[in-house]
């Protein structure tokens, strides 16, 4: 799965869904938060996920195979 550009429709949809999930969690646990904060948290979450996934993808494609025993 490639990292999506931040201004893509898919990323915006993910941020919206994330913001809604954050708002629902906050409502359930009586945490005071406004919609702008929910969206900010969702954007940070998406950015962190994309950075983590890019790092994992890089590491798995650029890691040399293990050395043979005795080398």
PDB file of N, CA and C in Angstrom:
ATOM      1  N   UNK A   1       0.845  -1.174   0.000  1.00  0.00           N
ATOM      2  CA  UNK A   1       0.000   0.000   0.000  1.00  0.00           C
ATOM      3  C   UNK A   1       0.887   1.232   0.000  1.00  0.00           C
ATOM      4  N   UNK A   2       0.860   2.037  -1.027  1.00  0.00           N
ATOM      5  CA  UNK A   2       1.710   3.223  -1.082  1.00  0.00           C
ATOM      6  C   UNK A   2       1.204   4.313  -0.137  1.00  0.00           C
ATOM      7  N   UNK A   3       2.112   5.172   0.299  1.00  0.00           N
ATOM      8  CA  UNK A   3       1.726   6.314   1.110  1.00  0.00           C
ATOM      9  C   UNK A   3       0.929   7.273   0.241  1.00  0.00           C
ATOM     10  N   UNK A   4      -0.225   7.668   0.731  1.00  0.00           N
ATOM     11  CA  UNK A   4      -1.091   8.553  -0.046  1.00  0.00           C
ATOM     12  C   UNK A   4      -0.672  10.005   0.144  1.00  0.00           C
ATOM     13  N   UNK A   5      -0.762  10.818  -0.910  1.00  0.00           N
ATOM     14  CA  UNK A   5      -0.491  12.243  -0.734  1.00  0.00           C
ATOM     15  C   UNK A   5      -1.481  12.814   0.281  1.00  0.00           C
ATOM     16  N   UNK A   6      -1.025  13.750   1.116  1.00  0.00           N
ATOM     17  CA  UNK A   6      -1.890  14.250   2.170  1.00  0.00           C
ATOM     18  C   UNK A   6      -3.146  14.923   1.626  1.00  0.00           C
ATOM     19  N   UNK A   7      -3.076  15.480   0.436  1.00  0.00           N
ATOM     20  CA  UNK A   7      -4.256  16.171  -0.099  1.00  0.00           C
ATOM     21  C   UNK A   7      -5.156  15.264  -0.939  1.00  0.00           C
ATOM     22  N   UNK A   8      -4.937  13.962  -0.886  1.00  0.00           N
ATOM     23  CA  UNK A   8      -5.771  13.056  -1.669  1.00  0.00           C
ATOM     24  C   UNK A   8      -7.123  12.864  -0.992  1.00  0.00           C
ATOM     25  N   UNK A   9      -8.112  12.460  -1.787  1.00  0.00           N
ATOM     26  CA  UNK A   9      -9.446  12.203  -1.241  1.00  0.00           C
ATOM     27  C   UNK A   9      -9.418  11.074  -0.216  1.00  0.00           C
ATOM     28  N   UNK A  10      -8.618  10.054  -0.472  1.00  0.00           N
ATOM     29  CA  UNK A  10      -8.540   8.927   0.453  1.00  0.00           C
ATOM     30  C   UNK A  10      -7.985   9.361   1.804  1.00  0.00           C
ATOM     31  N   UNK A  11      -6.970  10.199   1.801  1.00  0.00           N
ATOM     32  CA  UNK A  11      -6.403  10.668   3.058  1.00  0.00           C
ATOM     33  C   UNK A  11      -7.400  11.557   3.785  1.00  0.00           C
ATOM     34  N   UNK A  12      -8.071  12.433   3.043  1.00  0.00           N
ATOM     35  CA  UNK A  12      -9.093  13.278   3.674  1.00  0.00           C
ATOM     36  C   UNK A  12     -10.207  12.433   4.287  1.00  0.00           C
ATOM     37  N   UNK A  13     -10.602  11.377   3.598  1.00  0.00           N
ATOM     38  CA  UNK A  13     -11.637  10.486   4.130  1.00  0.00           C
ATOM     39  C   UNK A  13     -11.132   9.788   5.396  1.00  0.00           C
ATOM     40  N   UNK A  14      -9.873   9.368   5.391  1.00  0.00           N
ATOM     41  CA  UNK A  14      -9.303   8.722   6.576  1.00  0.00           C
ATOM     42  C   UNK A  14      -9.244   9.690   7.750  1.00  0.00           C
ATOM     43  N   UNK A  15      -8.859  10.938   7.486  1.00  0.00           N
ATOM     44  CA  UNK A  15      -8.820  11.945   8.549  1.00  0.00           C
ATOM     45  C   UNK A  15     -10.221  12.191   9.093  1.00  0.00           C
ATOM     46  N   UNK A  16     -11.208  12.280   8.203  1.00  0.00           N
ATOM     47  CA  UNK A  16     -12.590  12.491   8.636  1.00  0.00           C
ATOM     48  C   UNK A  16     -13.074  11.329   9.496  1.00  0.00           C
ATOM     49  N   UNK A  17     -12.826  10.112   9.044  1.00  0.00           N
ATOM     50  CA  UNK A  17     -13.235   8.937   9.812  1.00  0.00           C
ATOM     51  C   UNK A  17     -12.508   8.900  11.155  1.00  0.00           C
ATOM     52  N   UNK A  18     -11.224   9.224  11.139  1.00  0.00           N
ATOM     53  CA  UNK A  18     -10.456   9.261  12.380  1.00  0.00           C
ATOM     54  C   UNK A  18     -10.986  10.310  13.344  1.00  0.00           C
ATOM     55  N   UNK A  19     -11.307  11.483  12.819  1.00  0.00           N
ATOM     56  CA  UNK A  19     -11.853  12.543  13.662  1.00  0.00           C
ATOM     57  C   UNK A  19     -13.181  12.126  14.276  1.00  0.00           C
ATOM     58  N   UNK A  20     -14.003  11.448  13.500  1.00  0.00           N
ATOM     59  CA  UNK A  20     -15.286  10.967  14.018  1.00  0.00           C
ATOM     60  C   UNK A  20     -15.078   9.909  15.100  1.00  0.00           C
ATOM     61  N   UNK A  21     -14.107   9.024  14.895  1.00  0.00           N
ATOM     62  CA  UNK A  21     -13.815   7.999  15.904  1.00  0.00           C
ATOM     63  C   UNK A  21     -13.282   8.636  17.189  1.00  0.00           C
ATOM     64  N   UNK A  22     -12.422   9.632  17.050  1.00  0.00           N
ATOM     65  CA  UNK A  22     -11.900  10.338  18.222  1.00  0.00           C
ATOM     66  C   UNK A  22     -13.035  11.038  18.964  1.00  0.00           C
ATOM     67  N   UNK A  23     -13.922  11.696  18.225  1.00  0.00           N
ATOM     68  CA  UNK A  23     -15.062  12.376  18.850  1.00  0.00           C
ATOM     69  C   UNK A  23     -15.961  11.386  19.585  1.00  0.00           C
ATOM     70  N   UNK A  24     -16.198  10.229  18.975  1.00  0.00           N
ATOM     71  CA  UNK A  24     -17.035   9.216  19.619  1.00  0.00           C
ATOM     72  C   UNK A  24     -16.373   8.703  20.898  1.00  0.00           C
ATOM     73  N   UNK A  25     -15.071   8.457  20.862  1.00  0.00           N
ATOM     74  CA  UNK A  25     -14.351   7.996  22.043  1.00  0.00           C
ATOM     75  C   UNK A  25     -14.437   9.045  23.152  1.00  0.00           C
ATOM     76  N   UNK A  26     -14.224  10.299  22.786  1.00  0.00           N
ATOM     77  CA  UNK A  26     -14.274  11.377  23.773  1.00  0.00           C
ATOM     78  C   UNK A  26     -15.670  11.511  24.369  1.00  0.00           C
ATOM     79  N   UNK A  27     -16.699  11.403  23.540  1.00  0.00           N
ATOM     80  CA  UNK A  27     -18.069  11.447  24.053  1.00  0.00           C
ATOM     81  C   UNK A  27     -18.314  10.307  25.036  1.00  0.00           C
ATOM     82  N   UNK A  28     -17.879   9.121  24.682  1.00  0.00           N
ATOM     83  CA  UNK A  28     -18.093   7.944  25.526  1.00  0.00           C
ATOM     84  C   UNK A  28     -17.423   8.091  26.887  1.00  0.00           C
ATOM     85  N   UNK A  29     -16.246   8.724  26.904  1.00  0.00           N
ATOM     86  CA  UNK A  29     -15.464   8.830  28.129  1.00  0.00           C
ATOM     87  C   UNK A  29     -15.529  10.226  28.754  1.00  0.00           C
ATOM     88  N   UNK A  30     -16.486  11.049  28.309  1.00  0.00           N
ATOM     89  CA  UNK A  30     -16.702  12.398  28.856  1.00  0.00           C
ATOM     90  C   UNK A  30     -15.442  13.261  28.831  1.00  0.00           C
ATOM     91  N   UNK A  31     -14.722  13.191  27.714  1.00  0.00           N
ATOM     92  CA  UNK A  31     -13.526  14.019  27.532  1.00  0.00           C
ATOM     93  C   UNK A  31     -13.941  15.242  26.717  1.00  0.00           C
ATOM     94  N   UNK A  32     -13.619  16.420  27.238  1.00  0.00           N
ATOM     95  CA  UNK A  32     -13.972  17.658  26.549  1.00  0.00           C
ATOM     96  C   UNK A  32     -13.000  17.907  25.397  1.00  0.00           C
ATOM     97  N   UNK A  33     -13.525  17.955  24.187  1.00  0.00           N
ATOM     98  CA  UNK A  33     -12.701  18.203  22.997  1.00  0.00           C
ATOM     99  C   UNK A  33     -13.611  18.794  21.934  1.00  0.00           C
ATOM    100  N   UNK A  34     -13.080  19.728  21.158  1.00  0.00           N
ATOM    101  CA  UNK A  34     -13.914  20.316  20.110  1.00  0.00           C
ATOM    102  C   UNK A  34     -13.580  19.674  18.757  1.00  0.00           C
ATOM    103  N   UNK A  35     -14.455  19.860  17.767  1.00  0.00           N
ATOM    104  CA  UNK A  35     -14.242  19.204  16.466  1.00  0.00           C
ATOM    105  C   UNK A  35     -12.897  19.530  15.810  1.00  0.00           C
ATOM    106  N   UNK A  36     -12.417  20.752  15.977  1.00  0.00           N
ATOM    107  CA  UNK A  36     -11.122  21.118  15.376  1.00  0.00           C
ATOM    108  C   UNK A  36      -9.991  20.309  16.001  1.00  0.00           C
ATOM    109  N   UNK A  37     -10.069  20.082  17.311  1.00  0.00           N
ATOM    110  CA  UNK A  37      -9.044  19.270  17.968  1.00  0.00           C
ATOM    111  C   UNK A  37      -9.111  17.820  17.493  1.00  0.00           C
ATOM    112  N   UNK A  38     -10.319  17.316  17.283  1.00  0.00           N
ATOM    113  CA  UNK A  38     -10.471  15.947  16.768  1.00  0.00           C
ATOM    114  C   UNK A  38      -9.805  15.815  15.403  1.00  0.00           C
ATOM    115  N   UNK A  39     -10.036  16.805  14.544  1.00  0.00           N
ATOM    116  CA  UNK A  39      -9.441  16.758  13.203  1.00  0.00           C
ATOM    117  C   UNK A  39      -7.925  16.874  13.285  1.00  0.00           C
ATOM    118  N   UNK A  40      -7.415  17.747  14.155  1.00  0.00           N
ATOM    119  CA  UNK A  40      -5.964  17.877  14.318  1.00  0.00           C
ATOM    120  C   UNK A  40      -5.345  16.561  14.777  1.00  0.00           C
ATOM    121  N   UNK A  41      -5.971  15.917  15.745  1.00  0.00           N
ATOM    122  CA  UNK A  41      -5.455  14.627  16.218  1.00  0.00           C
ATOM    123  C   UNK A  41      -5.489  13.579  15.113  1.00  0.00           C
ATOM    124  N   UNK A  42      -6.558  13.566  14.333  1.00  0.00           N
ATOM    125  CA  UNK A  42      -6.660  12.598  13.239  1.00  0.00           C
ATOM    126  C   UNK A  42      -5.576  12.848  12.191  1.00  0.00           C
ATOM    127  N   UNK A  43      -5.296  14.103  11.871  1.00  0.00           N
ATOM    128  CA  UNK A  43      -4.234  14.421  10.904  1.00  0.00           C
ATOM    129  C   UNK A  43      -2.882  13.934  11.415  1.00  0.00           C
ATOM    130  N   UNK A  44      -2.604  14.176  12.690  1.00  0.00           N
ATOM    131  CA  UNK A  44      -1.344  13.726  13.273  1.00  0.00           C
ATOM    132  C   UNK A  44      -1.258  12.199  13.217  1.00  0.00           C
ATOM    133  N   UNK A  45      -2.350  11.539  13.556  1.00  0.00           N
ATOM    134  CA  UNK A  45      -2.382  10.075  13.521  1.00  0.00           C
ATOM    135  C   UNK A  45      -2.105   9.552  12.113  1.00  0.00           C
ATOM    136  N   UNK A  46      -2.758  10.124  11.111  1.00  0.00           N
ATOM    137  CA  UNK A  46      -2.540   9.681   9.722  1.00  0.00           C
ATOM    138  C   UNK A  46      -1.096   9.934   9.316  1.00  0.00           C
ATOM    139  N   UNK A  47      -0.548  11.094   9.655  1.00  0.00           N
ATOM    140  CA  UNK A  47       0.843  11.394   9.303  1.00  0.00           C
ATOM    141  C   UNK A  47       1.807  10.414   9.972  1.00  0.00           C
ATOM    142  N   UNK A  48       1.574  10.114  11.243  1.00  0.00           N
ATOM    143  CA  UNK A  48       2.438   9.178  11.953  1.00  0.00           C
ATOM    144  C   UNK A  48       2.340   7.781  11.350  1.00  0.00           C
ATOM    145  N   UNK A  49       1.136   7.368  11.006  1.00  0.00           N
ATOM    146  CA  UNK A  49       0.951   6.044  10.390  1.00  0.00           C
ATOM    147  C   UNK A  49       1.687   5.980   9.049  1.00  0.00           C
ATOM    148  N   UNK A  50       1.535   7.024   8.237  1.00  0.00           N
ATOM    149  CA  UNK A  50       2.195   7.021   6.933  1.00  0.00           C
ATOM    150  C   UNK A  50       3.709   6.981   7.089  1.00  0.00           C
ATOM    151  N   UNK A  51       4.249   7.736   8.050  1.00  0.00           N
ATOM    152  CA  UNK A  51       5.696   7.731   8.273  1.00  0.00           C
ATOM    153  C   UNK A  51       6.164   6.362   8.762  1.00  0.00           C
ATOM    154  N   UNK A  52       5.414   5.773   9.692  1.00  0.00           N
ATOM    155  CA  UNK A  52       5.769   4.443  10.205  1.00  0.00           C
ATOM    156  C   UNK A  52       5.729   3.412   9.085  1.00  0.00           C
ATOM    157  N   UNK A  53       4.666   3.424   8.301  1.00  0.00           N
ATOM    158  CA  UNK A  53       4.517   2.451   7.231  1.00  0.00           C
ATOM    159  C   UNK A  53       5.612   2.621   6.180  1.00  0.00           C
ATOM    160  N   UNK A  54       5.953   3.865   5.862  1.00  0.00           N
ATOM    161  CA  UNK A  54       7.026   4.114   4.895  1.00  0.00           C
ATOM    162  C   UNK A  54       8.351   3.560   5.426  1.00  0.00           C
ATOM    163  N   UNK A  55       8.608   3.730   6.723  1.00  0.00           N
ATOM    164  CA  UNK A  55       9.834   3.200   7.321  1.00  0.00           C
ATOM    165  C   UNK A  55       9.873   1.681   7.298  1.00  0.00           C
ATOM    166  N   UNK A  56       8.748   1.059   7.624  1.00  0.00           N
ATOM    167  CA  UNK A  56       8.683  -0.401   7.601  1.00  0.00           C
ATOM    168  C   UNK A  56       8.885  -0.916   6.180  1.00  0.00           C
ATOM    169  N   UNK A  57       8.225  -0.274   5.223  1.00  0.00           N
ATOM    170  CA  UNK A  57       8.352  -0.695   3.825  1.00  0.00           C
ATOM    171  C   UNK A  57       9.786  -0.536   3.347  1.00  0.00           C
ATOM    172  N   UNK A  58      10.438   0.582   3.701  1.00  0.00           N
ATOM    173  CA  UNK A  58      11.828   0.792   3.313  1.00  0.00           C
ATOM    174  C   UNK A  58      12.723  -0.278   3.935  1.00  0.00           C
ATOM    175  N   UNK A  59      12.528  -0.525   5.228  1.00  0.00           N
ATOM    176  CA  UNK A  59      13.385  -1.491   5.928  1.00  0.00           C
ATOM    177  C   UNK A  59      13.232  -2.890   5.355  1.00  0.00           C
ATOM    178  N   UNK A  60      12.012  -3.269   4.993  1.00  0.00           N
ATOM    179  CA  UNK A  60      11.819  -4.628   4.489  1.00  0.00           C
ATOM    180  C   UNK A  60      12.313  -4.794   3.056  1.00  0.00           C
ATOM    181  N   UNK A  61      12.397  -3.714   2.305  1.00  0.00           N
ATOM    182  CA  UNK A  61      12.873  -3.832   0.921  1.00  0.00           C
ATOM    183  C   UNK A  61      14.364  -3.535   0.791  1.00  0.00           C
ATOM    184  N   UNK A  62      14.981  -2.918   1.803  1.00  0.00           N
ATOM    185  CA  UNK A  62      16.391  -2.545   1.718  1.00  0.00           C
ATOM    186  C   UNK A  62      17.271  -3.260   2.741  1.00  0.00           C
ATOM    187  N   UNK A  63      16.765  -4.284   3.355  1.00  0.00           N
ATOM    188  CA  UNK A  63      17.552  -5.051   4.312  1.00  0.00           C
ATOM    189  C   UNK A  63      18.220  -6.208   3.579  1.00  0.00           C
ATOM    190  N   UNK A  64      19.536  -6.299   3.698  1.00  0.00           N
ATOM    191  CA  UNK A  64      20.209  -7.421   3.025  1.00  0.00           C
ATOM    192  C   UNK A  64      19.806  -8.746   3.658  1.00  0.00           C
ATOM    193  N   UNK A  65      19.849  -9.794   2.881  1.00  0.00           N
ATOM    194  CA  UNK A  65      19.518 -11.114   3.452  1.00  0.00           C
ATOM    195  C   UNK A  65      20.536 -11.492   4.521  1.00  0.00           C
ATOM    196  N   UNK A  66      20.122 -12.309   5.462  1.00  0.00           N
ATOM    197  CA  UNK A  66      21.072 -12.705   6.521  1.00  0.00           C
ATOM    198  C   UNK A  66      22.250 -13.487   5.933  1.00  0.00           C
ATOM    199  N   UNK A  67      23.380 -13.362   6.575  1.00  0.00           N
ATOM    200  CA  UNK A  67      24.590 -14.062   6.125  1.00  0.00           C
ATOM    201  C   UNK A  67      24.437 -15.559   6.375  1.00  0.00           C
ATOM    202  N   UNK A  68      25.091 -16.306   5.547  1.00  0.00           N
ATOM    203  CA  UNK A  68      25.106 -17.768   5.729  1.00  0.00           C
ATOM    204  C   UNK A  68      25.915 -18.108   6.976  1.00  0.00           C
ATOM    205  N   UNK A  69      25.577 -19.165   7.683  1.00  0.00           N
ATOM    206  CA  UNK A  69      26.354 -19.556   8.863  1.00  0.00           C
ATOM    207  C   UNK A  69      27.826 -19.748   8.505  1.00  0.00           C
ATOM    208  N   UNK A  70      28.692 -19.265   9.372  1.00  0.00           N
ATOM    209  CA  UNK A  70      30.137 -19.409   9.168  1.00  0.00           C
ATOM    210  C   UNK A  70      30.743 -18.277   8.353  1.00  0.00           C
ATOM    211  N   UNK A  71      29.973 -17.307   7.973  1.00  0.00           N
ATOM    212  CA  UNK A  71      30.547 -16.192   7.196  1.00  0.00           C
ATOM    213  C   UNK A  71      30.747 -14.994   8.063  1.00  0.00           C
TER     214      UNK A  71
END
